[in-house]
Amino acid sequence: MTDFFDALGLLLVIEGIVYCLFPVFAKRLARAAMDAPAERLRCGGLAAVCLGVLVVWLARR
């Protein structure tokens, strides 16, 4: 369970850095996501999940 909270904390740190250092980019990215078709967002999300699982799997090998 501590791994989950470590990962959640790291996610929040990375998200916070993006919003803190690059707020204009973050707004532009959010606007682009709003305009993108749902299928493209779904495919991007699936790719991110697969990449995340691969990274965790490689790190724990």
N, C-alpha and C. Protein backbone atom coordinates (compact mmCIF):
# COMPACT_ATOMS: atom_id res chain seq x y z
N MET A 1 0.82 -1.19 0.00
CA MET A 1 0.00 0.00 0.00
C MET A 1 0.87 1.26 0.00
N THR A 2 2.04 1.16 0.62
CA THR A 2 2.92 2.34 0.61
C THR A 2 3.40 2.65 -0.80
N ASP A 3 3.57 1.63 -1.64
CA ASP A 3 3.96 1.88 -3.03
C ASP A 3 2.90 2.71 -3.74
N PHE A 4 1.64 2.44 -3.46
CA PHE A 4 0.55 3.20 -4.07
C PHE A 4 0.65 4.67 -3.68
N PHE A 5 0.86 4.93 -2.40
CA PHE A 5 0.93 6.32 -1.95
C PHE A 5 2.21 7.00 -2.43
N ASP A 6 3.29 6.25 -2.56
CA ASP A 6 4.51 6.81 -3.15
C ASP A 6 4.25 7.23 -4.60
N ALA A 7 3.60 6.35 -5.35
CA ALA A 7 3.30 6.65 -6.75
C ALA A 7 2.34 7.83 -6.87
N LEU A 8 1.33 7.87 -6.02
CA LEU A 8 0.37 8.98 -6.04
C LEU A 8 1.07 10.29 -5.70
N GLY A 9 1.92 10.28 -4.71
CA GLY A 9 2.67 11.48 -4.35
C GLY A 9 3.56 11.95 -5.48
N LEU A 10 4.25 11.03 -6.13
CA LEU A 10 5.11 11.38 -7.25
C LEU A 10 4.29 11.95 -8.41
N LEU A 11 3.14 11.38 -8.67
CA LEU A 11 2.25 11.90 -9.70
C LEU A 11 1.86 13.34 -9.40
N LEU A 12 1.50 13.62 -8.16
CA LEU A 12 1.11 14.97 -7.78
C LEU A 12 2.27 15.95 -7.89
N VAL A 13 3.47 15.51 -7.54
CA VAL A 13 4.65 16.37 -7.68
C VAL A 13 4.88 16.72 -9.14
N ILE A 14 4.83 15.72 -10.01
CA ILE A 14 5.07 15.97 -11.44
C ILE A 14 3.99 16.86 -12.02
N GLU A 15 2.74 16.59 -11.69
CA GLU A 15 1.64 17.44 -12.17
C GLU A 15 1.81 18.87 -11.66
N GLY A 16 2.17 19.00 -10.41
CA GLY A 16 2.35 20.33 -9.83
C GLY A 16 3.47 21.10 -10.49
N ILE A 17 4.55 20.41 -10.83
CA ILE A 17 5.67 21.08 -11.51
C ILE A 17 5.22 21.61 -12.86
N VAL A 18 4.47 20.82 -13.60
CA VAL A 18 3.99 21.26 -14.91
C VAL A 18 3.13 22.51 -14.78
N TYR A 19 2.17 22.50 -13.85
CA TYR A 19 1.28 23.65 -13.68
C TYR A 19 2.02 24.86 -13.11
N CYS A 20 3.01 24.63 -12.28
CA CYS A 20 3.76 25.73 -11.66
C CYS A 20 4.72 26.39 -12.65
N LEU A 21 5.46 25.58 -13.39
CA LEU A 21 6.49 26.12 -14.27
C LEU A 21 5.99 26.47 -15.67
N PHE A 22 4.96 25.78 -16.13
CA PHE A 22 4.48 25.97 -17.50
C PHE A 22 2.96 26.14 -17.53
N PRO A 23 2.40 27.16 -16.88
CA PRO A 23 0.94 27.27 -16.83
C PRO A 23 0.30 27.53 -18.19
N VAL A 24 0.96 28.28 -19.04
CA VAL A 24 0.40 28.55 -20.37
C VAL A 24 0.34 27.26 -21.19
N PHE A 25 1.40 26.47 -21.12
CA PHE A 25 1.43 25.19 -21.82
C PHE A 25 0.34 24.26 -21.30
N ALA A 26 0.15 24.24 -19.97
CA ALA A 26 -0.88 23.38 -19.38
C ALA A 26 -2.27 23.79 -19.86
N LYS A 27 -2.52 25.09 -19.95
CA LYS A 27 -3.82 25.56 -20.44
C LYS A 27 -4.01 25.20 -21.91
N ARG A 28 -2.95 25.34 -22.69
CA ARG A 28 -3.03 24.99 -24.11
C ARG A 28 -3.28 23.49 -24.28
N LEU A 29 -2.62 22.69 -23.46
CA LEU A 29 -2.81 21.25 -23.52
C LEU A 29 -4.23 20.86 -23.14
N ALA A 30 -4.78 21.51 -22.11
CA ALA A 30 -6.16 21.23 -21.70
C ALA A 30 -7.14 21.63 -22.79
N ARG A 31 -6.87 22.76 -23.44
CA ARG A 31 -7.74 23.20 -24.53
C ARG A 31 -7.68 22.21 -25.70
N ALA A 32 -6.49 21.73 -26.01
CA ALA A 32 -6.34 20.75 -27.09
C ALA A 32 -7.06 19.45 -26.74
N ALA A 33 -7.03 19.06 -25.47
CA ALA A 33 -7.73 17.85 -25.05
C ALA A 33 -9.24 18.02 -25.20
N MET A 34 -9.73 19.20 -24.92
CA MET A 34 -11.17 19.46 -25.06
C MET A 34 -11.61 19.36 -26.53
N ASP A 35 -10.72 19.76 -27.43
CA ASP A 35 -11.07 19.75 -28.85
C ASP A 35 -10.82 18.40 -29.52
N ALA A 36 -10.07 17.53 -28.87
CA ALA A 36 -9.72 16.24 -29.47
C ALA A 36 -10.90 15.27 -29.39
N PRO A 37 -11.03 14.41 -30.38
CA PRO A 37 -12.08 13.39 -30.33
C PRO A 37 -11.85 12.43 -29.16
N ALA A 38 -12.94 11.90 -28.63
CA ALA A 38 -12.85 11.00 -27.48
C ALA A 38 -12.00 9.77 -27.80
N GLU A 39 -12.08 9.28 -29.01
CA GLU A 39 -11.30 8.09 -29.38
C GLU A 39 -9.80 8.36 -29.30
N ARG A 40 -9.37 9.54 -29.69
CA ARG A 40 -7.95 9.88 -29.61
C ARG A 40 -7.50 9.95 -28.15
N LEU A 41 -8.33 10.53 -27.29
CA LEU A 41 -8.00 10.59 -25.87
C LEU A 41 -7.95 9.19 -25.27
N ARG A 42 -8.88 8.34 -25.68
CA ARG A 42 -8.92 6.97 -25.18
C ARG A 42 -7.65 6.22 -25.59
N CYS A 43 -7.24 6.36 -26.84
CA CYS A 43 -6.01 5.69 -27.31
C CYS A 43 -4.78 6.24 -26.60
N GLY A 44 -4.73 7.54 -26.40
CA GLY A 44 -3.61 8.13 -25.67
C GLY A 44 -3.56 7.66 -24.23
N GLY A 45 -4.72 7.55 -23.60
CA GLY A 45 -4.77 7.04 -22.23
C GLY A 45 -4.34 5.60 -22.14
N LEU A 46 -4.76 4.79 -23.10
CA LEU A 46 -4.35 3.38 -23.12
C LEU A 46 -2.85 3.26 -23.34
N ALA A 47 -2.30 4.09 -24.21
CA ALA A 47 -0.85 4.07 -24.43
C ALA A 47 -0.10 4.47 -23.16
N ALA A 48 -0.62 5.46 -22.43
CA ALA A 48 0.01 5.88 -21.18
C ALA A 48 -0.05 4.77 -20.14
N VAL A 49 -1.16 4.07 -20.06
CA VAL A 49 -1.29 2.95 -19.12
C VAL A 49 -0.28 1.86 -19.47
N CYS A 50 -0.19 1.50 -20.74
CA CYS A 50 0.75 0.46 -21.16
C CYS A 50 2.20 0.87 -20.86
N LEU A 51 2.53 2.11 -21.15
CA LEU A 51 3.88 2.59 -20.87
C LEU A 51 4.16 2.58 -19.37
N GLY A 52 3.20 3.00 -18.58
CA GLY A 52 3.36 3.00 -17.12
C GLY A 52 3.56 1.60 -16.57
N VAL A 53 2.77 0.65 -17.05
CA VAL A 53 2.92 -0.74 -16.61
C VAL A 53 4.30 -1.27 -17.01
N LEU A 54 4.74 -0.95 -18.20
CA LEU A 54 6.07 -1.39 -18.65
C LEU A 54 7.17 -0.80 -17.77
N VAL A 55 7.08 0.47 -17.46
CA VAL A 55 8.09 1.12 -16.62
C VAL A 55 8.13 0.48 -15.23
N VAL A 56 6.97 0.26 -14.63
CA VAL A 56 6.92 -0.37 -13.31
C VAL A 56 7.47 -1.79 -13.37
N TRP A 57 7.10 -2.52 -14.40
CA TRP A 57 7.57 -3.90 -14.55
C TRP A 57 9.10 -3.94 -14.69
N LEU A 58 9.64 -3.04 -15.53
CA LEU A 58 11.09 -3.00 -15.71
C LEU A 58 11.81 -2.57 -14.43
N ALA A 59 11.23 -1.64 -13.70
CA ALA A 59 11.86 -1.15 -12.47
C ALA A 59 11.89 -2.21 -11.39
N ARG A 60 10.93 -3.11 -11.39
CA ARG A 60 10.83 -4.12 -10.33
C ARG A 60 11.46 -5.46 -10.72
N ARG A 61 12.01 -5.56 -11.90
CA ARG A 61 12.67 -6.80 -12.33
C ARG A 61 13.94 -7.04 -11.59
